[in-house]
N, C-alpha and C. Protein backbone atom coordinates (compact mmCIF):
# COMPACT_ATOMS: atom_id res chain seq x y z
N UNK A 1 -42.82 -55.70 -35.63
CA UNK A 1 -42.00 -55.67 -36.74
C UNK A 1 -41.59 -54.19 -37.02
N UNK A 2 -40.33 -54.02 -37.15
CA UNK A 2 -39.78 -52.62 -37.42
C UNK A 2 -39.42 -52.54 -38.94
N UNK A 3 -39.64 -51.42 -39.47
CA UNK A 3 -39.17 -51.10 -40.78
C UNK A 3 -38.28 -49.90 -40.78
N UNK A 4 -37.27 -49.94 -41.64
CA UNK A 4 -36.44 -48.78 -41.77
C UNK A 4 -36.72 -48.05 -43.08
N UNK A 5 -36.70 -46.81 -42.96
CA UNK A 5 -36.89 -46.10 -44.15
C UNK A 5 -35.62 -45.51 -44.67
N UNK A 6 -35.45 -45.56 -45.94
CA UNK A 6 -34.27 -45.00 -46.53
C UNK A 6 -34.46 -43.51 -46.60
N UNK A 7 -33.39 -42.79 -46.31
CA UNK A 7 -33.49 -41.36 -46.43
C UNK A 7 -33.36 -40.92 -47.95
N UNK A 8 -34.23 -40.04 -48.30
CA UNK A 8 -34.16 -39.59 -49.72
C UNK A 8 -32.86 -38.88 -49.99
N UNK A 9 -32.39 -38.92 -51.26
CA UNK A 9 -31.18 -38.19 -51.55
C UNK A 9 -31.51 -36.77 -51.84
N UNK A 10 -30.68 -36.00 -51.30
CA UNK A 10 -30.94 -34.47 -51.64
C UNK A 10 -30.45 -34.15 -53.00
N UNK A 11 -30.96 -32.95 -53.56
CA UNK A 11 -30.44 -32.61 -54.85
C UNK A 11 -28.98 -32.36 -54.85
N UNK A 12 -28.40 -31.93 -53.73
CA UNK A 12 -26.94 -31.76 -53.69
C UNK A 12 -26.26 -33.02 -53.94
N UNK A 13 -26.61 -34.04 -53.32
CA UNK A 13 -25.94 -35.36 -53.48
C UNK A 13 -26.14 -35.89 -54.98
N UNK A 14 -27.24 -35.66 -55.52
CA UNK A 14 -27.46 -36.03 -56.87
C UNK A 14 -26.60 -35.28 -57.87
N UNK A 15 -26.36 -33.99 -57.61
CA UNK A 15 -25.53 -33.21 -58.47
C UNK A 15 -24.04 -33.70 -58.36
N UNK A 16 -23.68 -34.05 -57.14
CA UNK A 16 -22.31 -34.56 -56.98
C UNK A 16 -22.08 -35.86 -57.68
N UNK A 17 -23.08 -36.71 -57.74
CA UNK A 17 -22.96 -37.92 -58.45
C UNK A 17 -22.94 -37.61 -59.95
N UNK A 18 -23.73 -36.67 -60.45
CA UNK A 18 -23.65 -36.23 -61.86
C UNK A 18 -22.24 -35.75 -62.11
N UNK A 19 -21.69 -35.01 -61.19
CA UNK A 19 -20.34 -34.45 -61.35
C UNK A 19 -19.29 -35.63 -61.48
N UNK A 20 -19.50 -36.66 -60.63
CA UNK A 20 -18.59 -37.77 -60.66
C UNK A 20 -18.69 -38.57 -61.91
N UNK A 21 -19.91 -38.76 -62.40
CA UNK A 21 -20.11 -39.42 -63.66
C UNK A 21 -19.48 -38.67 -64.82
N UNK A 22 -19.71 -37.38 -64.87
CA UNK A 22 -19.21 -36.53 -65.93
C UNK A 22 -17.63 -36.59 -65.88
N UNK A 23 -17.05 -36.57 -64.68
CA UNK A 23 -15.61 -36.70 -64.52
C UNK A 23 -15.08 -38.01 -64.97
N UNK A 24 -15.87 -39.10 -64.70
CA UNK A 24 -15.41 -40.39 -65.12
C UNK A 24 -15.41 -40.57 -66.63
N UNK A 25 -16.23 -39.87 -67.32
CA UNK A 25 -16.28 -39.82 -68.83
C UNK A 25 -14.92 -39.34 -69.33
N UNK A 26 -14.27 -38.44 -68.64
CA UNK A 26 -13.08 -37.74 -69.20
C UNK A 26 -12.02 -38.87 -69.55
N UNK A 27 -11.42 -39.59 -68.61
CA UNK A 27 -10.44 -40.55 -68.99
C UNK A 27 -10.92 -41.57 -69.94
N UNK A 28 -12.16 -41.94 -69.84
CA UNK A 28 -12.70 -43.01 -70.79
C UNK A 28 -12.72 -42.53 -72.16
N UNK A 29 -13.20 -41.26 -72.38
CA UNK A 29 -13.23 -40.74 -73.76
C UNK A 29 -11.79 -40.54 -74.33
N UNK A 30 -10.86 -40.00 -73.48
CA UNK A 30 -9.50 -39.86 -73.90
C UNK A 30 -8.87 -41.16 -74.22
N UNK A 31 -9.12 -42.23 -73.39
CA UNK A 31 -8.62 -43.50 -73.73
C UNK A 31 -9.11 -44.09 -75.05
N UNK A 32 -10.36 -43.84 -75.27
CA UNK A 32 -10.98 -44.37 -76.60
C UNK A 32 -10.26 -43.67 -77.70
N UNK A 33 -9.94 -42.32 -77.47
CA UNK A 33 -9.22 -41.58 -78.52
C UNK A 33 -7.81 -42.18 -78.82
N UNK A 34 -7.17 -42.69 -77.82
CA UNK A 34 -5.88 -43.30 -77.94
C UNK A 34 -6.00 -44.58 -78.75
N UNK A 35 -7.08 -45.31 -78.49
CA UNK A 35 -7.28 -46.55 -79.19
C UNK A 35 -7.62 -46.24 -80.66
N UNK A 36 -8.43 -45.28 -80.86
CA UNK A 36 -8.78 -44.86 -82.21
C UNK A 36 -7.61 -44.33 -82.99
N UNK A 37 -6.70 -43.71 -82.26
CA UNK A 37 -5.47 -43.22 -82.94
C UNK A 37 -4.60 -44.28 -83.42
N UNK A 38 -4.58 -45.35 -82.69
CA UNK A 38 -3.89 -46.59 -83.20
C UNK A 38 -4.52 -47.25 -84.43
N UNK A 39 -5.92 -47.18 -84.41
CA UNK A 39 -6.67 -47.68 -85.58
C UNK A 39 -6.51 -46.74 -86.77
N UNK A 40 -6.32 -45.46 -86.51
CA UNK A 40 -6.07 -44.46 -87.54
C UNK A 40 -4.79 -44.89 -88.34
N UNK A 41 -3.82 -45.35 -87.64
CA UNK A 41 -2.56 -45.70 -88.29
C UNK A 41 -2.58 -47.02 -88.99
N UNK A 42 -3.56 -47.88 -88.54
CA UNK A 42 -3.52 -49.19 -89.12
C UNK A 42 -4.76 -49.68 -89.95
N UNK A 43 -5.82 -48.92 -89.90
CA UNK A 43 -6.98 -49.34 -90.67
C UNK A 43 -7.59 -48.24 -91.51
N UNK A 44 -8.42 -48.55 -92.44
CA UNK A 44 -8.96 -47.55 -93.32
C UNK A 44 -10.12 -46.70 -92.59
N UNK A 45 -10.76 -47.37 -91.65
CA UNK A 45 -11.86 -46.66 -90.88
C UNK A 45 -11.43 -45.90 -89.64
N UNK A 46 -10.10 -45.99 -89.34
CA UNK A 46 -9.53 -45.38 -88.15
C UNK A 46 -9.74 -43.84 -88.08
N UNK A 47 -9.66 -43.24 -89.23
CA UNK A 47 -9.90 -41.77 -89.24
C UNK A 47 -11.30 -41.40 -88.89
N UNK A 48 -12.25 -42.15 -89.34
CA UNK A 48 -13.64 -41.92 -89.06
C UNK A 48 -13.89 -42.00 -87.52
N UNK A 49 -13.31 -43.14 -87.01
CA UNK A 49 -13.55 -43.36 -85.52
C UNK A 49 -12.82 -42.29 -84.65
N UNK A 50 -11.59 -41.88 -85.12
CA UNK A 50 -10.88 -40.88 -84.35
C UNK A 50 -11.63 -39.47 -84.43
N UNK A 51 -12.17 -39.20 -85.58
CA UNK A 51 -12.88 -37.94 -85.74
C UNK A 51 -14.15 -38.00 -84.88
N UNK A 52 -14.92 -38.99 -84.91
CA UNK A 52 -16.10 -39.13 -84.06
C UNK A 52 -15.79 -39.10 -82.64
N UNK A 53 -14.70 -39.85 -82.26
CA UNK A 53 -14.26 -39.88 -80.95
C UNK A 53 -13.89 -38.41 -80.33
N UNK A 54 -13.31 -37.61 -81.26
CA UNK A 54 -12.90 -36.27 -80.87
C UNK A 54 -14.18 -35.45 -80.55
N UNK A 55 -15.21 -35.64 -81.24
CA UNK A 55 -16.43 -34.91 -80.96
C UNK A 55 -17.07 -35.36 -79.53
N UNK A 56 -17.03 -36.62 -79.36
CA UNK A 56 -17.53 -37.17 -78.07
C UNK A 56 -16.70 -36.78 -76.94
N UNK A 57 -15.41 -36.69 -77.12
CA UNK A 57 -14.40 -36.24 -76.08
C UNK A 57 -14.72 -34.77 -75.71
N UNK A 58 -14.90 -33.98 -76.78
CA UNK A 58 -15.09 -32.50 -76.53
C UNK A 58 -16.45 -32.37 -75.89
N UNK A 59 -17.47 -33.08 -76.33
CA UNK A 59 -18.72 -33.05 -75.67
C UNK A 59 -18.71 -33.53 -74.20
N UNK A 60 -17.92 -34.49 -73.88
CA UNK A 60 -17.74 -34.92 -72.48
C UNK A 60 -17.02 -33.73 -71.65
N UNK A 61 -16.17 -33.02 -72.27
CA UNK A 61 -15.51 -31.93 -71.58
C UNK A 61 -16.50 -30.86 -71.27
N UNK A 62 -17.37 -30.55 -72.22
CA UNK A 62 -18.43 -29.54 -72.01
C UNK A 62 -19.37 -30.01 -70.97
N UNK A 63 -19.80 -31.28 -70.93
CA UNK A 63 -20.65 -31.86 -69.89
C UNK A 63 -20.06 -31.77 -68.58
N UNK A 64 -18.79 -32.03 -68.44
CA UNK A 64 -18.10 -31.94 -67.15
C UNK A 64 -18.07 -30.46 -66.61
N UNK A 65 -17.91 -29.54 -67.50
CA UNK A 65 -17.95 -28.09 -67.09
C UNK A 65 -19.32 -27.80 -66.64
N UNK A 66 -20.32 -28.26 -67.33
CA UNK A 66 -21.80 -27.95 -66.88
C UNK A 66 -22.07 -28.63 -65.48
N UNK A 67 -21.54 -29.85 -65.35
CA UNK A 67 -21.79 -30.53 -64.04
C UNK A 67 -21.08 -29.90 -62.93
N UNK A 68 -19.89 -29.36 -63.20
CA UNK A 68 -19.13 -28.69 -62.16
C UNK A 68 -19.73 -27.37 -61.72
N UNK A 69 -20.34 -26.64 -62.68
CA UNK A 69 -21.03 -25.36 -62.46
C UNK A 69 -22.26 -25.65 -61.61
N UNK A 70 -23.05 -26.74 -62.03
CA UNK A 70 -24.20 -27.06 -61.33
C UNK A 70 -23.92 -27.56 -59.90
N UNK A 71 -22.87 -28.21 -59.69
CA UNK A 71 -22.52 -28.65 -58.39
C UNK A 71 -22.04 -27.47 -57.49
N UNK A 72 -21.42 -26.52 -58.16
CA UNK A 72 -20.81 -25.36 -57.41
C UNK A 72 -21.85 -24.26 -57.09
N UNK A 73 -22.48 -23.73 -58.07
CA UNK A 73 -23.29 -22.57 -57.81
C UNK A 73 -24.55 -22.86 -57.04
N UNK A 74 -25.47 -23.62 -57.61
CA UNK A 74 -26.71 -23.90 -56.81
C UNK A 74 -26.43 -24.96 -55.76
N UNK A 75 -25.47 -25.86 -55.92
CA UNK A 75 -25.32 -26.98 -55.04
C UNK A 75 -24.40 -26.69 -53.84
N UNK A 76 -23.66 -25.64 -53.86
CA UNK A 76 -22.80 -25.35 -52.67
C UNK A 76 -21.48 -26.17 -52.68
N UNK A 77 -21.07 -26.65 -53.84
CA UNK A 77 -19.88 -27.46 -53.91
C UNK A 77 -18.68 -26.55 -54.05
N UNK A 78 -17.51 -27.14 -54.29
CA UNK A 78 -16.23 -26.39 -54.34
C UNK A 78 -16.07 -25.83 -55.77
N UNK A 79 -15.59 -24.62 -55.81
CA UNK A 79 -15.33 -23.95 -57.16
C UNK A 79 -14.13 -24.57 -57.85
N UNK A 80 -13.32 -25.43 -57.07
CA UNK A 80 -12.21 -26.04 -57.78
C UNK A 80 -12.50 -26.87 -58.95
N UNK A 81 -13.60 -27.56 -58.87
CA UNK A 81 -14.06 -28.38 -59.97
C UNK A 81 -14.33 -27.60 -61.21
N UNK A 82 -14.82 -26.36 -61.03
CA UNK A 82 -15.14 -25.50 -62.15
C UNK A 82 -13.85 -25.09 -62.82
N UNK A 83 -12.77 -24.83 -62.04
CA UNK A 83 -11.50 -24.46 -62.56
C UNK A 83 -10.88 -25.61 -63.33
N UNK A 84 -10.95 -26.81 -62.76
CA UNK A 84 -10.38 -27.98 -63.40
C UNK A 84 -11.09 -28.21 -64.77
N UNK A 85 -12.47 -28.15 -64.70
CA UNK A 85 -13.26 -28.43 -65.90
C UNK A 85 -13.00 -27.34 -67.06
N UNK A 86 -12.87 -26.13 -66.61
CA UNK A 86 -12.51 -25.08 -67.54
C UNK A 86 -11.14 -25.33 -68.18
N UNK A 87 -10.15 -25.67 -67.39
CA UNK A 87 -8.91 -26.04 -67.84
C UNK A 87 -8.88 -27.18 -68.84
N UNK A 88 -9.65 -28.25 -68.40
CA UNK A 88 -9.76 -29.34 -69.34
C UNK A 88 -10.39 -29.05 -70.67
N UNK A 89 -11.40 -28.18 -70.60
CA UNK A 89 -12.04 -27.74 -71.86
C UNK A 89 -11.08 -26.99 -72.71
N UNK A 90 -10.24 -26.15 -72.10
CA UNK A 90 -9.25 -25.45 -72.90
C UNK A 90 -8.21 -26.46 -73.53
N UNK A 91 -7.80 -27.44 -72.74
CA UNK A 91 -6.92 -28.40 -73.30
C UNK A 91 -7.52 -29.20 -74.42
N UNK A 92 -8.85 -29.56 -74.26
CA UNK A 92 -9.54 -30.27 -75.35
C UNK A 92 -9.66 -29.38 -76.58
N UNK A 93 -9.80 -28.16 -76.42
CA UNK A 93 -9.87 -27.18 -77.53
C UNK A 93 -8.58 -27.19 -78.29
N UNK A 94 -7.42 -27.01 -77.53
CA UNK A 94 -6.11 -27.12 -78.11
C UNK A 94 -5.86 -28.45 -78.79
N UNK A 95 -6.35 -29.53 -78.19
CA UNK A 95 -6.22 -30.82 -78.72
C UNK A 95 -6.87 -30.96 -80.09
N UNK A 96 -8.12 -30.56 -80.15
CA UNK A 96 -8.88 -30.55 -81.43
C UNK A 96 -8.19 -29.76 -82.53
N UNK A 97 -7.80 -28.50 -82.14
CA UNK A 97 -7.16 -27.61 -83.12
C UNK A 97 -5.87 -28.24 -83.59
N UNK A 98 -5.03 -28.77 -82.66
CA UNK A 98 -3.77 -29.37 -83.17
C UNK A 98 -3.89 -30.63 -83.94
N UNK A 99 -5.01 -31.38 -83.65
CA UNK A 99 -5.32 -32.57 -84.49
C UNK A 99 -5.73 -32.14 -85.91
N UNK A 100 -6.63 -31.22 -86.04
CA UNK A 100 -7.07 -30.74 -87.31
C UNK A 100 -5.95 -30.23 -88.12
N UNK A 101 -4.95 -29.49 -87.36
CA UNK A 101 -3.74 -29.00 -88.14
C UNK A 101 -2.71 -29.99 -88.35
N UNK A 102 -2.89 -31.26 -87.92
CA UNK A 102 -1.90 -32.35 -88.06
C UNK A 102 -0.60 -32.02 -87.43
N UNK A 103 -0.66 -31.40 -86.25
CA UNK A 103 0.54 -31.19 -85.45
C UNK A 103 0.69 -32.21 -84.44
N UNK A 104 1.24 -33.34 -84.87
CA UNK A 104 1.33 -34.56 -83.97
C UNK A 104 2.33 -34.28 -82.80
N UNK A 105 3.28 -33.41 -83.07
CA UNK A 105 4.28 -33.08 -81.87
C UNK A 105 3.53 -32.38 -80.72
N UNK A 106 2.40 -31.80 -80.99
CA UNK A 106 1.59 -31.18 -79.94
C UNK A 106 0.42 -32.12 -79.51
N UNK A 107 -0.18 -32.77 -80.56
CA UNK A 107 -1.42 -33.42 -80.38
C UNK A 107 -1.23 -34.75 -79.46
N UNK A 108 -0.20 -35.43 -79.73
CA UNK A 108 0.06 -36.75 -78.99
C UNK A 108 0.50 -36.50 -77.53
N UNK A 109 1.41 -35.64 -77.28
CA UNK A 109 1.76 -35.44 -75.85
C UNK A 109 0.61 -34.79 -75.08
N UNK A 110 -0.06 -33.92 -75.74
CA UNK A 110 -1.26 -33.29 -75.08
C UNK A 110 -2.31 -34.34 -74.68
N UNK A 111 -2.54 -35.31 -75.59
CA UNK A 111 -3.44 -36.39 -75.32
C UNK A 111 -3.02 -37.22 -74.11
N UNK A 112 -1.72 -37.44 -73.97
CA UNK A 112 -1.21 -38.22 -72.88
C UNK A 112 -1.35 -37.40 -71.56
N UNK A 113 -1.10 -36.11 -71.61
CA UNK A 113 -1.28 -35.27 -70.49
C UNK A 113 -2.75 -35.17 -70.04
N UNK A 114 -3.60 -35.05 -70.97
CA UNK A 114 -5.07 -35.06 -70.71
C UNK A 114 -5.53 -36.39 -70.01
N UNK A 115 -5.02 -37.48 -70.47
CA UNK A 115 -5.45 -38.71 -69.92
C UNK A 115 -4.96 -38.83 -68.46
N UNK A 116 -3.68 -38.47 -68.29
CA UNK A 116 -3.09 -38.48 -66.97
C UNK A 116 -3.83 -37.51 -65.96
N UNK A 117 -4.09 -36.29 -66.40
CA UNK A 117 -4.75 -35.33 -65.57
C UNK A 117 -6.20 -35.74 -65.22
N UNK A 118 -6.84 -36.30 -66.22
CA UNK A 118 -8.21 -36.81 -65.95
C UNK A 118 -8.26 -37.94 -64.91
N UNK A 119 -7.29 -38.83 -65.07
CA UNK A 119 -7.21 -39.85 -64.00
C UNK A 119 -6.95 -39.36 -62.62
N UNK A 120 -5.99 -38.44 -62.57
CA UNK A 120 -5.59 -37.84 -61.28
C UNK A 120 -6.84 -37.17 -60.64
N UNK A 121 -7.61 -36.33 -61.46
CA UNK A 121 -8.82 -35.71 -60.94
C UNK A 121 -9.88 -36.72 -60.50
N UNK A 122 -10.02 -37.82 -61.18
CA UNK A 122 -11.01 -38.79 -60.94
C UNK A 122 -10.60 -39.50 -59.53
N UNK A 123 -9.35 -39.82 -59.39
CA UNK A 123 -8.93 -40.48 -58.16
C UNK A 123 -9.07 -39.45 -57.02
N UNK A 124 -8.80 -38.25 -57.17
CA UNK A 124 -8.89 -37.24 -56.09
C UNK A 124 -10.29 -36.93 -55.64
N UNK A 125 -11.18 -37.10 -56.58
CA UNK A 125 -12.68 -36.73 -56.34
C UNK A 125 -13.14 -37.80 -55.43
């Protein structure tokens, strides 16, 4: 009888899966924000959900930057992910500021751009 042993995953592979999970959170959190924006317009609790979702989306952006740095520096991955994650964090910052300032003419199109960009990055990864 022969048995096959599974090869253990290396830390580099684990970091890349952490990076992929962090990247997958981006479009998910932005989509939840779009849904909560609709609730903001139609329900009394929509503002609370949209505000909480903004914090989650911003946290997901910071998590993605952390995952990109961990995959790049010690893991030997591509520095491109760090550039994208940094850019997305800047966009998320502008998104939060424009939302607080009630600048819908910036806030809404930027949200659409962020959703599209995060989907493109996820598909390319």
